[in-house]
Amino acid sequence: MTKKIVTLSGDGIGPEIMVAGLEVLDKVASKIEFDYDVDAKPFGGAGIDAEGH
């Protein structure tokens, strides 16, 4: 069963931190046969910039 994971990159946890975290998750997931899809959402100031409100 594939799990859906939502990531919230923005103020405090920037995209570069999320990329590194997802790389770790990918390595672990491949070892334990964990299937997942990532839905990346902007958060904080990045979300306001992306959505305009």
N, C-alpha and C. Protein backbone atom coordinates (compact mmCIF):
# COMPACT_ATOMS: atom_id res chain seq x y z
N MET A 1 0.84 -1.17 0.00
CA MET A 1 0.00 0.00 0.00
C MET A 1 0.89 1.24 0.00
N THR A 2 0.64 2.15 -0.91
CA THR A 2 1.40 3.39 -1.01
C THR A 2 0.82 4.44 -0.07
N LYS A 3 1.70 5.04 0.70
CA LYS A 3 1.30 6.10 1.63
C LYS A 3 1.57 7.45 0.99
N LYS A 4 0.74 8.43 1.30
CA LYS A 4 0.93 9.79 0.80
C LYS A 4 1.54 10.63 1.92
N ILE A 5 2.65 11.30 1.60
CA ILE A 5 3.33 12.15 2.56
C ILE A 5 3.29 13.58 2.04
N VAL A 6 2.84 14.49 2.87
CA VAL A 6 2.83 15.91 2.51
C VAL A 6 4.03 16.57 3.17
N THR A 7 4.82 17.29 2.37
CA THR A 7 5.95 18.04 2.92
C THR A 7 5.62 19.52 2.91
N LEU A 8 6.06 20.22 3.93
CA LEU A 8 5.81 21.66 4.07
C LEU A 8 7.15 22.38 4.17
N SER A 9 7.67 22.79 3.03
CA SER A 9 8.93 23.54 3.00
C SER A 9 8.62 25.02 3.05
N GLY A 10 9.38 25.74 3.85
CA GLY A 10 9.18 27.18 3.92
C GLY A 10 10.08 27.78 4.96
N ASP A 11 9.55 28.70 5.72
CA ASP A 11 10.32 29.40 6.75
C ASP A 11 10.79 28.41 7.81
N GLY A 12 12.07 28.45 8.12
CA GLY A 12 12.61 27.56 9.15
C GLY A 12 13.09 26.24 8.56
N ILE A 13 12.25 25.54 7.85
CA ILE A 13 12.63 24.30 7.17
C ILE A 13 12.61 24.60 5.68
N GLY A 14 13.76 24.99 5.16
CA GLY A 14 13.84 25.37 3.75
C GLY A 14 13.83 24.17 2.83
N PRO A 15 13.66 24.43 1.55
CA PRO A 15 13.63 23.34 0.56
C PRO A 15 14.89 22.48 0.59
N GLU A 16 16.05 23.09 0.89
CA GLU A 16 17.29 22.30 0.91
C GLU A 16 17.29 21.29 2.05
N ILE A 17 16.66 21.62 3.16
CA ILE A 17 16.55 20.68 4.28
C ILE A 17 15.57 19.56 3.93
N MET A 18 14.47 19.92 3.30
CA MET A 18 13.48 18.92 2.92
C MET A 18 14.06 17.95 1.90
N VAL A 19 14.85 18.44 0.96
CA VAL A 19 15.48 17.56 -0.03
C VAL A 19 16.37 16.53 0.67
N ALA A 20 17.17 16.99 1.63
CA ALA A 20 18.05 16.07 2.36
C ALA A 20 17.24 15.05 3.16
N GLY A 21 16.18 15.50 3.79
CA GLY A 21 15.32 14.59 4.56
C GLY A 21 14.66 13.54 3.68
N LEU A 22 14.23 13.96 2.50
CA LEU A 22 13.59 13.01 1.58
C LEU A 22 14.60 12.02 1.01
N GLU A 23 15.85 12.44 0.87
CA GLU A 23 16.89 11.49 0.44
C GLU A 23 17.08 10.40 1.49
N VAL A 24 17.08 10.78 2.75
CA VAL A 24 17.19 9.80 3.84
C VAL A 24 15.98 8.88 3.83
N LEU A 25 14.78 9.46 3.72
CA LEU A 25 13.56 8.66 3.67
C LEU A 25 13.61 7.67 2.52
N ASP A 26 14.09 8.10 1.37
CA ASP A 26 14.16 7.22 0.21
C ASP A 26 15.07 6.03 0.47
N LYS A 27 16.21 6.27 1.09
CA LYS A 27 17.14 5.17 1.41
C LYS A 27 16.52 4.18 2.39
N VAL A 28 15.90 4.70 3.43
CA VAL A 28 15.26 3.83 4.44
C VAL A 28 14.09 3.08 3.81
N ALA A 29 13.27 3.78 3.05
CA ALA A 29 12.09 3.17 2.44
C ALA A 29 12.47 2.02 1.51
N SER A 30 13.57 2.17 0.79
CA SER A 30 13.98 1.09 -0.12
C SER A 30 14.43 -0.15 0.66
N LYS A 31 14.96 0.04 1.85
CA LYS A 31 15.41 -1.10 2.66
C LYS A 31 14.26 -1.83 3.34
N ILE A 32 13.19 -1.11 3.67
CA ILE A 32 12.07 -1.75 4.37
C ILE A 32 10.84 -1.93 3.49
N GLU A 33 11.03 -1.71 2.17
CA GLU A 33 9.95 -1.87 1.20
C GLU A 33 8.72 -1.03 1.55
N PHE A 34 8.97 0.24 1.80
CA PHE A 34 7.92 1.21 2.13
C PHE A 34 7.67 2.07 0.90
N ASP A 35 6.43 2.03 0.38
CA ASP A 35 6.08 2.80 -0.81
C ASP A 35 5.37 4.09 -0.40
N TYR A 36 5.79 5.19 -1.00
CA TYR A 36 5.19 6.48 -0.66
C TYR A 36 5.22 7.42 -1.86
N ASP A 37 4.31 8.36 -1.84
CA ASP A 37 4.28 9.47 -2.79
C ASP A 37 4.39 10.75 -1.99
N VAL A 38 5.11 11.72 -2.53
CA VAL A 38 5.30 13.00 -1.85
C VAL A 38 4.47 14.07 -2.53
N ASP A 39 3.72 14.81 -1.73
CA ASP A 39 2.97 15.97 -2.19
C ASP A 39 3.61 17.19 -1.52
N ALA A 40 4.44 17.92 -2.26
CA ALA A 40 5.18 19.06 -1.70
C ALA A 40 4.31 20.31 -1.72
N LYS A 41 4.19 20.95 -0.58
CA LYS A 41 3.41 22.19 -0.46
C LYS A 41 4.31 23.29 0.12
N PRO A 42 4.20 24.51 -0.41
CA PRO A 42 4.93 25.62 0.19
C PRO A 42 4.26 26.04 1.49
N PHE A 43 5.06 26.57 2.43
CA PHE A 43 4.54 26.90 3.75
C PHE A 43 5.13 28.22 4.22
N GLY A 44 4.42 28.91 5.07
CA GLY A 44 4.90 30.18 5.62
C GLY A 44 5.03 31.23 4.53
N GLY A 45 6.13 31.97 4.57
CA GLY A 45 6.37 33.01 3.58
C GLY A 45 6.43 32.46 2.16
N ALA A 46 7.00 31.27 2.00
CA ALA A 46 7.08 30.64 0.68
C ALA A 46 5.68 30.34 0.15
N GLY A 47 4.78 29.94 1.03
CA GLY A 47 3.40 29.67 0.63
C GLY A 47 2.68 30.94 0.22
N ILE A 48 2.90 32.01 0.96
CA ILE A 48 2.29 33.29 0.61
C ILE A 48 2.82 33.76 -0.73
N ASP A 49 4.14 33.65 -0.94
CA ASP A 49 4.73 34.04 -2.22
C ASP A 49 4.17 33.21 -3.37
N ALA A 50 3.99 31.92 -3.15
CA ALA A 50 3.52 31.02 -4.21
C ALA A 50 2.04 31.21 -4.52
N GLU A 51 1.24 31.45 -3.48
CA GLU A 51 -0.21 31.53 -3.66
C GLU A 51 -0.73 32.96 -3.79
N GLY A 52 0.07 33.91 -3.37
CA GLY A 52 -0.34 35.31 -3.50
C GLY A 52 -1.26 35.81 -2.40
N HIS A 53 -1.42 35.05 -1.33
CA HIS A 53 -2.25 35.50 -0.20
C HIS A 53 -1.85 34.81 1.06
